[in-house]
Amino acid sequence: ADGMTLVYTDSPLEALGFIDITDPANPEPAGIMGLGGEPTSVAV
């Protein structure tokens, strides 16, 4: 909601990925979280 973090689905890794866009011109990796299956969609 604050627009500072992106969450995306990563099908090959069966995970959600996170990106820190506090500075949107310099996005930073914020890690991944395994899900035990293929994520098809995500909403926040």
PDB file of all heavy atoms in Angstrom:
ATOM      1  N   ALA A   1       0.814  -1.215   0.000  1.00  0.00           N
ATOM      2  CA  ALA A   1       0.000   0.000   0.000  1.00  0.00           C
ATOM      3  C   ALA A   1       0.846   1.262   0.000  1.00  0.00           C
ATOM      4  O   ALA A   1       0.461   2.280  -0.593  1.00  0.00           O
ATOM      5  CB  ALA A   1      -0.929  -0.015   1.212  1.00  0.00           C
ATOM      6  N   ASP A   2       2.023   1.206   0.635  1.00  0.00           N
ATOM      7  CA  ASP A   2       2.876   2.390   0.650  1.00  0.00           C
ATOM      8  C   ASP A   2       3.721   2.514  -0.613  1.00  0.00           C
ATOM      9  O   ASP A   2       4.459   3.492  -0.774  1.00  0.00           O
ATOM     10  CB  ASP A   2       3.777   2.398   1.892  1.00  0.00           C
ATOM     11  CG  ASP A   2       4.730   1.208   1.938  1.00  0.00           C
ATOM     12  OD1 ASP A   2       4.758   0.402   0.989  1.00  0.00           O
ATOM     13  OD2 ASP A   2       5.456   1.089   2.951  1.00  0.00           O
ATOM     14  N   GLY A   3       3.631   1.519  -1.496  1.00  0.00           N
ATOM     15  CA  GLY A   3       4.357   1.571  -2.760  1.00  0.00           C
ATOM     16  C   GLY A   3       5.849   1.379  -2.631  1.00  0.00           C
ATOM     17  O   GLY A   3       6.596   1.673  -3.572  1.00  0.00           O
ATOM     18  N   MET A   4       6.314   0.843  -1.519  1.00  0.00           N
ATOM     19  CA  MET A   4       7.746   0.713  -1.281  1.00  0.00           C
ATOM     20  C   MET A   4       8.300  -0.685  -1.558  1.00  0.00           C
ATOM     21  O   MET A   4       9.515  -0.853  -1.676  1.00  0.00           O
ATOM     22  CB  MET A   4       8.075   1.103   0.169  1.00  0.00           C
ATOM     23  CG  MET A   4       7.751   2.545   0.503  1.00  0.00           C
ATOM     24  SD  MET A   4       8.736   3.712  -0.471  1.00  0.00           S
ATOM     25  CE  MET A   4       8.062   5.274   0.126  1.00  0.00           C
ATOM     26  N   THR A   5       7.417  -1.674  -1.640  1.00  0.00           N
ATOM     27  CA  THR A   5       7.865  -3.044  -1.859  1.00  0.00           C
ATOM     28  C   THR A   5       7.046  -3.687  -2.970  1.00  0.00           C
ATOM     29  O   THR A   5       5.818  -3.557  -3.002  1.00  0.00           O
ATOM     30  CB  THR A   5       7.724  -3.888  -0.580  1.00  0.00           C
ATOM     31  OG1 THR A   5       8.463  -3.272   0.467  1.00  0.00           O
ATOM     32  CG2 THR A   5       8.248  -5.307  -0.797  1.00  0.00           C
ATOM     33  N   LEU A   6       7.732  -4.371  -3.869  1.00  0.00           N
ATOM     34  CA  LEU A   6       7.082  -5.135  -4.931  1.00  0.00           C
ATOM     35  C   LEU A   6       7.121  -6.610  -4.572  1.00  0.00           C
ATOM     36  O   LEU A   6       8.097  -7.107  -3.994  1.00  0.00           O
ATOM     37  CB  LEU A   6       7.792  -4.919  -6.264  1.00  0.00           C
ATOM     38  CG  LEU A   6       7.861  -3.484  -6.783  1.00  0.00           C
ATOM     39  CD1 LEU A   6       8.689  -3.416  -8.063  1.00  0.00           C
ATOM     40  CD2 LEU A   6       6.462  -2.929  -7.024  1.00  0.00           C
ATOM     41  N   VAL A   7       6.042  -7.307  -4.918  1.00  0.00           N
ATOM     42  CA  VAL A   7       5.941  -8.752  -4.714  1.00  0.00           C
ATOM     43  C   VAL A   7       5.602  -9.376  -6.060  1.00  0.00           C
ATOM     44  O   VAL A   7       4.662  -8.941  -6.732  1.00  0.00           O
ATOM     45  CB  VAL A   7       4.850  -9.107  -3.690  1.00  0.00           C
ATOM     46  CG1 VAL A   7       4.872 -10.602  -3.390  1.00  0.00           C
ATOM     47  CG2 VAL A   7       5.013  -8.298  -2.412  1.00  0.00           C
ATOM     48  N   TYR A   8       6.376 -10.383  -6.485  1.00  0.00           N
ATOM     49  CA  TYR A   8       6.137 -10.998  -7.795  1.00  0.00           C
ATOM     50  C   TYR A   8       6.169 -12.522  -7.683  1.00  0.00           C
ATOM     51  O   TYR A   8       6.777 -13.086  -6.764  1.00  0.00           O
ATOM     52  CB  TYR A   8       7.173 -10.528  -8.822  1.00  0.00           C
ATOM     53  CG  TYR A   8       8.603 -10.918  -8.506  1.00  0.00           C
ATOM     54  CD1 TYR A   8       9.140 -12.131  -8.924  1.00  0.00           C
ATOM     55  CD2 TYR A   8       9.421 -10.063  -7.774  1.00  0.00           C
ATOM     56  CE1 TYR A   8      10.446 -12.489  -8.638  1.00  0.00           C
ATOM     57  CE2 TYR A   8      10.735 -10.405  -7.469  1.00  0.00           C
ATOM     58  CZ  TYR A   8      11.239 -11.629  -7.904  1.00  0.00           C
ATOM     59  OH  TYR A   8      12.532 -11.984  -7.605  1.00  0.00           O
ATOM     60  N   THR A   9       5.503 -13.174  -8.621  1.00  0.00           N
ATOM     61  CA  THR A   9       5.513 -14.633  -8.675  1.00  0.00           C
ATOM     62  C   THR A   9       6.692 -15.100  -9.513  1.00  0.00           C
ATOM     63  O   THR A   9       6.976 -14.550 -10.571  1.00  0.00           O
ATOM     64  CB  THR A   9       4.214 -15.176  -9.277  1.00  0.00           C
ATOM     65  OG1 THR A   9       4.060 -14.685 -10.618  1.00  0.00           O
ATOM     66  CG2 THR A   9       3.007 -14.759  -8.456  1.00  0.00           C
ATOM     67  N   ASP A  10       7.378 -16.111  -9.007  1.00  0.00           N
ATOM     68  CA  ASP A  10       8.503 -16.721  -9.720  1.00  0.00           C
ATOM     69  C   ASP A  10       8.192 -18.205  -9.877  1.00  0.00           C
ATOM     70  O   ASP A  10       8.435 -19.004  -8.970  1.00  0.00           O
ATOM     71  CB  ASP A  10       9.805 -16.507  -8.953  1.00  0.00           C
ATOM     72  CG  ASP A  10      11.037 -16.910  -9.756  1.00  0.00           C
ATOM     73  OD1 ASP A  10      10.933 -17.864 -10.548  1.00  0.00           O
ATOM     74  OD2 ASP A  10      12.086 -16.269  -9.590  1.00  0.00           O
ATOM     75  N   SER A  11       7.638 -18.560 -11.029  1.00  0.00           N
ATOM     76  CA  SER A  11       7.189 -19.928 -11.255  1.00  0.00           C
ATOM     77  C   SER A  11       8.323 -20.946 -11.233  1.00  0.00           C
ATOM     78  O   SER A  11       8.202 -21.984 -10.578  1.00  0.00           O
ATOM     79  CB  SER A  11       6.410 -20.008 -12.577  1.00  0.00           C
ATOM     80  OG  SER A  11       6.023 -21.317 -12.862  1.00  0.00           O
ATOM     81  N   PRO A  12       9.467 -20.708 -11.931  1.00  0.00           N
ATOM     82  CA  PRO A  12      10.526 -21.726 -11.920  1.00  0.00           C
ATOM     83  C   PRO A  12      11.052 -22.034 -10.513  1.00  0.00           C
ATOM     84  O   PRO A  12      11.415 -23.177 -10.231  1.00  0.00           O
ATOM     85  CB  PRO A  12      11.618 -21.099 -12.790  1.00  0.00           C
ATOM     86  CG  PRO A  12      10.912 -20.135 -13.667  1.00  0.00           C
ATOM     87  CD  PRO A  12       9.796 -19.596 -12.833  1.00  0.00           C
ATOM     88  N   LEU A  13      11.076 -21.022  -9.658  1.00  0.00           N
ATOM     89  CA  LEU A  13      11.581 -21.233  -8.303  1.00  0.00           C
ATOM     90  C   LEU A  13      10.489 -21.612  -7.312  1.00  0.00           C
ATOM     91  O   LEU A  13      10.780 -21.844  -6.134  1.00  0.00           O
ATOM     92  CB  LEU A  13      12.293 -19.970  -7.802  1.00  0.00           C
ATOM     93  CG  LEU A  13      13.562 -19.562  -8.547  1.00  0.00           C
ATOM     94  CD1 LEU A  13      14.202 -18.354  -7.873  1.00  0.00           C
ATOM     95  CD2 LEU A  13      14.563 -20.709  -8.619  1.00  0.00           C
ATOM     96  N   GLU A  14       9.231 -21.650  -7.779  1.00  0.00           N
ATOM     97  CA  GLU A  14       8.088 -21.933  -6.909  1.00  0.00           C
ATOM     98  C   GLU A  14       8.134 -21.025  -5.682  1.00  0.00           C
ATOM     99  O   GLU A  14       8.077 -21.468  -4.530  1.00  0.00           O
ATOM    100  CB  GLU A  14       8.061 -23.408  -6.500  1.00  0.00           C
ATOM    101  CG  GLU A  14       7.872 -24.352  -7.677  1.00  0.00           C
ATOM    102  CD  GLU A  14       7.600 -25.785  -7.258  1.00  0.00           C
ATOM    103  OE1 GLU A  14       7.865 -26.133  -6.095  1.00  0.00           O
ATOM    104  OE2 GLU A  14       7.099 -26.561  -8.101  1.00  0.00           O
ATOM    105  N   ALA A  15       8.216 -19.718  -5.967  1.00  0.00           N
ATOM    106  CA  ALA A  15       8.442 -18.770  -4.879  1.00  0.00           C
ATOM    107  C   ALA A  15       7.785 -17.434  -5.179  1.00  0.00           C
ATOM    108  O   ALA A  15       7.417 -17.127  -6.318  1.00  0.00           O
ATOM    109  CB  ALA A  15       9.949 -18.564  -4.679  1.00  0.00           C
ATOM    110  N   LEU A  16       7.651 -16.634  -4.125  1.00  0.00           N
ATOM    111  CA  LEU A  16       7.377 -15.213  -4.265  1.00  0.00           C
ATOM    112  C   LEU A  16       8.693 -14.468  -4.114  1.00  0.00           C
ATOM    113  O   LEU A  16       9.526 -14.815  -3.270  1.00  0.00           O
ATOM    114  CB  LEU A  16       6.401 -14.721  -3.191  1.00  0.00           C
ATOM    115  CG  LEU A  16       4.946 -15.178  -3.272  1.00  0.00           C
ATOM    116  CD1 LEU A  16       4.142 -14.567  -2.125  1.00  0.00           C
ATOM    117  CD2 LEU A  16       4.324 -14.791  -4.615  1.00  0.00           C
ATOM    118  N   GLY A  17       8.874 -13.444  -4.943  1.00  0.00           N
ATOM    119  CA  GLY A  17      10.058 -12.609  -4.843  1.00  0.00           C
ATOM    120  C   GLY A  17       9.678 -11.227  -4.350  1.00  0.00           C
ATOM    121  O   GLY A  17       8.536 -10.773  -4.544  1.00  0.00           O
ATOM    122  N   PHE A  18      10.632 -10.552  -3.726  1.00  0.00           N
ATOM    123  CA  PHE A  18      10.379  -9.234  -3.138  1.00  0.00           C
ATOM    124  C   PHE A  18      11.460  -8.254  -3.596  1.00  0.00           C
ATOM    125  O   PHE A  18      12.648  -8.612  -3.656  1.00  0.00           O
ATOM    126  CB  PHE A  18      10.369  -9.326  -1.612  1.00  0.00           C
ATOM    127  CG  PHE A  18       9.383 -10.324  -1.069  1.00  0.00           C
ATOM    128  CD1 PHE A  18       9.740 -11.657  -0.913  1.00  0.00           C
ATOM    129  CD2 PHE A  18       8.087  -9.942  -0.743  1.00  0.00           C
ATOM    130  CE1 PHE A  18       8.839 -12.596  -0.422  1.00  0.00           C
ATOM    131  CE2 PHE A  18       7.169 -10.867  -0.256  1.00  0.00           C
ATOM    132  CZ  PHE A  18       7.542 -12.195  -0.098  1.00  0.00           C
ATOM    133  N   ILE A  19      11.050  -7.028  -3.898  1.00  0.00           N
ATOM    134  CA  ILE A  19      11.973  -5.988  -4.342  1.00  0.00           C
ATOM    135  C   ILE A  19      11.709  -4.729  -3.536  1.00  0.00           C
ATOM    136  O   ILE A  19      10.564  -4.279  -3.432  1.00  0.00           O
ATOM    137  CB  ILE A  19      11.814  -5.682  -5.840  1.00  0.00           C
ATOM    138  CG1 ILE A  19      11.920  -6.952  -6.685  1.00  0.00           C
ATOM    139  CG2 ILE A  19      12.851  -4.660  -6.301  1.00  0.00           C
ATOM    140  CD1 ILE A  19      11.551  -6.747  -8.151  1.00  0.00           C
ATOM    141  N   ASP A  20      12.760  -4.157  -3.000  1.00  0.00           N
ATOM    142  CA  ASP A  20      12.672  -2.902  -2.252  1.00  0.00           C
ATOM    143  C   ASP A  20      12.816  -1.746  -3.238  1.00  0.00           C
ATOM    144  O   ASP A  20      13.857  -1.589  -3.876  1.00  0.00           O
ATOM    145  CB  ASP A  20      13.792  -2.862  -1.207  1.00  0.00           C
ATOM    146  CG  ASP A  20      13.788  -1.577  -0.373  1.00  0.00           C
ATOM    147  OD1 ASP A  20      13.024  -0.650  -0.693  1.00  0.00           O
ATOM    148  OD2 ASP A  20      14.571  -1.516   0.589  1.00  0.00           O
ATOM    149  N   ILE A  21      11.748  -0.950  -3.385  1.00  0.00           N
ATOM    150  CA  ILE A  21      11.819   0.203  -4.286  1.00  0.00           C
ATOM    151  C   ILE A  21      11.654   1.505  -3.501  1.00  0.00           C
ATOM    152  O   ILE A  21      11.065   2.468  -3.996  1.00  0.00           O
ATOM    153  CB  ILE A  21      10.791   0.110  -5.430  1.00  0.00           C
ATOM    154  CG1 ILE A  21       9.354  -0.016  -4.894  1.00  0.00           C
ATOM    155  CG2 ILE A  21      11.129  -1.023  -6.372  1.00  0.00           C
ATOM    156  CD1 ILE A  21       8.294   0.211  -5.961  1.00  0.00           C
ATOM    157  N   THR A  22      12.202   1.522  -2.293  1.00  0.00           N
ATOM    158  CA  THR A  22      12.217   2.772  -1.534  1.00  0.00           C
ATOM    159  C   THR A  22      12.805   3.880  -2.398  1.00  0.00           C
ATOM    160  O   THR A  22      12.289   4.994  -2.453  1.00  0.00           O
ATOM    161  CB  THR A  22      13.032   2.594  -0.244  1.00  0.00           C
ATOM    162  OG1 THR A  22      12.468   1.532   0.528  1.00  0.00           O
ATOM    163  CG2 THR A  22      13.028   3.877   0.569  1.00  0.00           C
ATOM    164  N   ASP A  23      13.899   3.567  -3.078  1.00  0.00           N
ATOM    165  CA  ASP A  23      14.433   4.425  -4.130  1.00  0.00           C
ATOM    166  C   ASP A  23      14.121   3.730  -5.446  1.00  0.00           C
ATOM    167  O   ASP A  23      14.820   2.782  -5.830  1.00  0.00           O
ATOM    168  CB  ASP A  23      15.936   4.610  -3.960  1.00  0.00           C
ATOM    169  CG  ASP A  23      16.550   5.465  -5.068  1.00  0.00           C
ATOM    170  OD1 ASP A  23      15.806   5.901  -5.977  1.00  0.00           O
ATOM    171  OD2 ASP A  23      17.771   5.689  -5.028  1.00  0.00           O
ATOM    172  N   PRO A  24      13.087   4.160  -6.166  1.00  0.00           N
ATOM    173  CA  PRO A  24      12.672   3.406  -7.353  1.00  0.00           C
ATOM    174  C   PRO A  24      13.703   3.405  -8.474  1.00  0.00           C
ATOM    175  O   PRO A  24      13.673   2.518  -9.328  1.00  0.00           O
ATOM    176  CB  PRO A  24      11.385   4.115  -7.782  1.00  0.00           C
ATOM    177  CG  PRO A  24      11.485   5.481  -7.204  1.00  0.00           C
ATOM    178  CD  PRO A  24      12.227   5.326  -5.919  1.00  0.00           C
ATOM    179  N   ALA A  25      14.603   4.369  -8.452  1.00  0.00           N
ATOM    180  CA  ALA A  25      15.650   4.399  -9.475  1.00  0.00           C
ATOM    181  C   ALA A  25      16.774   3.421  -9.158  1.00  0.00           C
ATOM    182  O   ALA A  25      17.618   3.151 -10.021  1.00  0.00           O
ATOM    183  CB  ALA A  25      16.208   5.815  -9.611  1.00  0.00           C
ATOM    184  N   ASN A  26      16.756   2.876  -7.951  1.00  0.00           N
ATOM    185  CA  ASN A  26      17.784   1.922  -7.537  1.00  0.00           C
ATOM    186  C   ASN A  26      17.138   0.780  -6.755  1.00  0.00           C
ATOM    187  O   ASN A  26      17.308   0.663  -5.536  1.00  0.00           O
ATOM    188  CB  ASN A  26      18.845   2.613  -6.677  1.00  0.00           C
ATOM    189  CG  ASN A  26      19.637   3.634  -7.451  1.00  0.00           C
ATOM    190  OD1 ASN A  26      20.511   3.286  -8.246  1.00  0.00           O
ATOM    191  ND2 ASN A  26      19.327   4.910  -7.248  1.00  0.00           N
ATOM    192  N   PRO A  27      16.368  -0.072  -7.433  1.00  0.00           N
ATOM    193  CA  PRO A  27      15.694  -1.172  -6.740  1.00  0.00           C
ATOM    194  C   PRO A  27      16.697  -2.149  -6.144  1.00  0.00           C
ATOM    195  O   PRO A  27      17.763  -2.398  -6.723  1.00  0.00           O
ATOM    196  CB  PRO A  27      14.856  -1.825  -7.850  1.00  0.00           C
ATOM    197  CG  PRO A  27      15.544  -1.437  -9.126  1.00  0.00           C
ATOM    198  CD  PRO A  27      16.120  -0.081  -8.890  1.00  0.00           C
ATOM    199  N   GLU A  28      16.338  -2.698  -4.986  1.00  0.00           N
ATOM    200  CA  GLU A  28      17.227  -3.608  -4.286  1.00  0.00           C
ATOM    201  C   GLU A  28      16.551  -4.957  -4.064  1.00  0.00           C
ATOM    202  O   GLU A  28      15.351  -5.020  -3.794  1.00  0.00           O
ATOM    203  CB  GLU A  28      17.610  -3.022  -2.924  1.00  0.00           C
ATOM    204  CG  GLU A  28      18.427  -1.742  -2.991  1.00  0.00           C
ATOM    205  CD  GLU A  28      19.839  -1.981  -3.476  1.00  0.00           C
ATOM    206  OE1 GLU A  28      20.299  -3.149  -3.414  1.00  0.00           O
ATOM    207  OE2 GLU A  28      20.482  -1.009  -3.925  1.00  0.00           O
ATOM    208  N   PRO A  29      17.325  -6.054  -4.158  1.00  0.00           N
ATOM    209  CA  PRO A  29      16.736  -7.376  -3.884  1.00  0.00           C
ATOM    210  C   PRO A  29      16.317  -7.475  -2.432  1.00  0.00           C
ATOM    211  O   PRO A  29      17.040  -7.036  -1.530  1.00  0.00           O
ATOM    212  CB  PRO A  29      17.888  -8.345  -4.211  1.00  0.00           C
ATOM    213  CG  PRO A  29      19.138  -7.517  -4.084  1.00  0.00           C
ATOM    214  CD  PRO A  29      18.755  -6.129  -4.501  1.00  0.00           C
ATOM    215  N   ALA A  30      15.137  -8.049  -2.199  1.00  0.00           N
ATOM    216  CA  ALA A  30      14.624  -8.186  -0.826  1.00  0.00           C
ATOM    217  C   ALA A  30      14.295  -9.630  -0.491  1.00  0.00           C
ATOM    218  O   ALA A  30      13.603  -9.906   0.485  1.00  0.00           O
ATOM    219  CB  ALA A  30      13.402  -7.296  -0.632  1.00  0.00           C
ATOM    220  N   GLY A  31      14.774 -10.576  -1.325  1.00  0.00           N
ATOM    221  CA  GLY A  31      14.650 -11.983  -0.986  1.00  0.00           C
ATOM    222  C   GLY A  31      13.507 -12.696  -1.680  1.00  0.00           C
ATOM    223  O   GLY A  31      12.696 -12.097  -2.390  1.00  0.00           O
ATOM    224  N   ILE A  32      13.461 -14.010  -1.479  1.00  0.00           N
ATOM    225  CA  ILE A  32      12.395 -14.846  -2.016  1.00  0.00           C
ATOM    226  C   ILE A  32      11.874 -15.744  -0.902  1.00  0.00           C
ATOM    227  O   ILE A  32      12.561 -16.016   0.083  1.00  0.00           O
ATOM    228  CB  ILE A  32      12.856 -15.710  -3.209  1.00  0.00           C
ATOM    229  CG1 ILE A  32      13.980 -16.679  -2.780  1.00  0.00           C
ATOM    230  CG2 ILE A  32      13.293 -14.851  -4.369  1.00  0.00           C
ATOM    231  CD1 ILE A  32      14.331 -17.688  -3.844  1.00  0.00           C
ATOM    232  N   MET A  33      10.644 -16.221  -1.110  1.00  0.00           N
ATOM    233  CA  MET A  33      10.017 -17.126  -0.147  1.00  0.00           C
ATOM    234  C   MET A  33       9.427 -18.307  -0.902  1.00  0.00           C
ATOM    235  O   MET A  33       8.557 -18.144  -1.757  1.00  0.00           O
ATOM    236  CB  MET A  33       8.909 -16.399   0.619  1.00  0.00           C
ATOM    237  CG  MET A  33       8.135 -17.297   1.575  1.00  0.00           C
ATOM    238  SD  MET A  33       6.801 -16.396   2.401  1.00  0.00           S
ATOM    239  CE  MET A  33       5.900 -17.767   3.149  1.00  0.00           C
ATOM    240  N   GLY A  34       9.932 -19.498  -0.633  1.00  0.00           N
ATOM    241  CA  GLY A  34       9.431 -20.700  -1.278  1.00  0.00           C
ATOM    242  C   GLY A  34       8.007 -21.010  -0.867  1.00  0.00           C
ATOM    243  O   GLY A  34       7.604 -20.756   0.276  1.00  0.00           O
ATOM    244  N   LEU A  35       7.236 -21.598  -1.814  1.00  0.00           N
ATOM    245  CA  LEU A  35       5.814 -21.858  -1.571  1.00  0.00           C
ATOM    246  C   LEU A  35       5.439 -23.327  -1.667  1.00  0.00           C
ATOM    247  O   LEU A  35       4.312 -23.698  -1.354  1.00  0.00           O
ATOM    248  CB  LEU A  35       4.970 -21.055  -2.569  1.00  0.00           C
ATOM    249  CG  LEU A  35       5.090 -19.531  -2.491  1.00  0.00           C
ATOM    250  CD1 LEU A  35       4.295 -18.885  -3.618  1.00  0.00           C
ATOM    251  CD2 LEU A  35       4.601 -19.025  -1.141  1.00  0.00           C
ATOM    252  N   GLY A  36       6.342 -24.157  -2.161  1.00  0.00           N
ATOM    253  CA  GLY A  36       6.008 -25.576  -2.279  1.00  0.00           C
ATOM    254  C   GLY A  36       5.092 -25.887  -3.431  1.00  0.00           C
ATOM    255  O   GLY A  36       4.455 -26.942  -3.466  1.00  0.00           O
ATOM    256  N   GLY A  37       4.999 -24.993  -4.370  1.00  0.00           N
ATOM    257  CA  GLY A  37       4.176 -25.174  -5.558  1.00  0.00           C
ATOM    258  C   GLY A  37       4.369 -23.973  -6.472  1.00  0.00           C
ATOM    259  O   GLY A  37       5.048 -23.002  -6.118  1.00  0.00           O
ATOM    260  N   GLU A  38       3.754 -24.019  -7.633  1.00  0.00           N
ATOM    261  CA  GLU A  38       3.929 -22.964  -8.627  1.00  0.00           C
ATOM    262  C   GLU A  38       2.968 -21.809  -8.367  1.00  0.00           C
ATOM    263  O   GLU A  38       1.750 -21.975  -8.461  1.00  0.00           O
ATOM    264  CB  GLU A  38       3.663 -23.519 -10.024  1.00  0.00           C
ATOM    265  CG  GLU A  38       3.698 -22.464 -11.112  1.00  0.00           C
ATOM    266  CD  GLU A  38       3.036 -22.928 -12.396  1.00  0.00           C
ATOM    267  OE1 GLU A  38       2.447 -24.032 -12.406  1.00  0.00           O
ATOM    268  OE2 GLU A  38       3.100 -22.171 -13.383  1.00  0.00           O
ATOM    269  N   PRO A  39       3.479 -20.609  -8.046  1.00  0.00           N
ATOM    270  CA  PRO A  39       2.575 -19.474  -7.869  1.00  0.00           C
ATOM    271  C   PRO A  39       2.046 -19.009  -9.222  1.00  0.00           C
ATOM    272  O   PRO A  39       2.808 -18.867 -10.181  1.00  0.00           O
ATOM    273  CB  PRO A  39       3.460 -18.411  -7.228  1.00  0.00           C
ATOM    274  CG  PRO A  39       4.837 -18.725  -7.727  1.00  0.00           C
ATOM    275  CD  PRO A  39       4.892 -20.219  -7.855  1.00  0.00           C
ATOM    276  N   THR A  40       0.750 -18.786  -9.300  1.00  0.00           N
ATOM    277  CA  THR A  40       0.149 -18.375 -10.562  1.00  0.00           C
ATOM    278  C   THR A  40      -0.245 -16.907 -10.573  1.00  0.00           C
ATOM    279  O   THR A  40      -0.384 -16.306 -11.629  1.00  0.00           O
ATOM    280  CB  THR A  40      -1.105 -19.219 -10.853  1.00  0.00           C
ATOM    281  OG1 THR A  40      -2.048 -19.041  -9.789  1.00  0.00           O
ATOM    282  CG2 THR A  40      -0.739 -20.695 -10.976  1.00  0.00           C
ATOM    283  N   SER A  41      -0.444 -16.330  -9.394  1.00  0.00           N
ATOM    284  CA  SER A  41      -0.856 -14.931  -9.316  1.00  0.00           C
ATOM    285  C   SER A  41      -0.648 -14.453  -7.890  1.00  0.00           C
ATOM    286  O   SER A  41      -0.568 -15.259  -6.952  1.00  0.00           O
ATOM    287  CB  SER A  41      -2.327 -14.771  -9.723  1.00  0.00           C
ATOM    288  OG  SER A  41      -2.708 -13.411  -9.744  1.00  0.00           O
ATOM    289  N   VAL A  42      -0.559 -13.128  -7.733  1.00  0.00           N
ATOM    290  CA  VAL A  42      -0.417 -12.555  -6.403  1.00  0.00           C
ATOM    291  C   VAL A  42      -1.128 -11.216  -6.357  1.00  0.00           C
ATOM    292  O   VAL A  42      -1.161 -10.478  -7.347  1.00  0.00           O
ATOM    293  CB  VAL A  42       1.066 -12.402  -6.001  1.00  0.00           C
ATOM    294  CG1 VAL A  42       1.785 -11.387  -6.903  1.00  0.00           C
ATOM    295  CG2 VAL A  42       1.213 -12.024  -4.537  1.00  0.00           C
ATOM    296  N   ALA A  43      -1.732 -10.916  -5.218  1.00  0.00           N
ATOM    297  CA  ALA A  43      -2.360  -9.621  -4.976  1.00  0.00           C
ATOM    298  C   ALA A  43      -2.002  -9.213  -3.552  1.00  0.00           C
ATOM    299  O   ALA A  43      -1.653 -10.057  -2.718  1.00  0.00           O
ATOM    300  CB  ALA A  43      -3.872  -9.702  -5.155  1.00  0.00           C
ATOM    301  N   VAL A  44      -2.070  -7.925  -3.268  1.00  0.00           N
ATOM    302  CA  VAL A  44      -1.644  -7.413  -1.966  1.00  0.00           C
ATOM    303  C   VAL A  44      -2.749  -6.582  -1.344  1.00  0.00           C
ATOM    304  O   VAL A  44      -3.410  -5.780  -2.018  1.00  0.00           O
ATOM    305  CB  VAL A  44      -0.361  -6.567  -2.105  1.00  0.00           C
ATOM    306  CG1 VAL A  44      -0.054  -5.823  -0.809  1.00  0.00           C
ATOM    307  CG2 VAL A  44       0.823  -7.445  -2.496  1.00  0.00           C
TER     308      VAL A  44
END
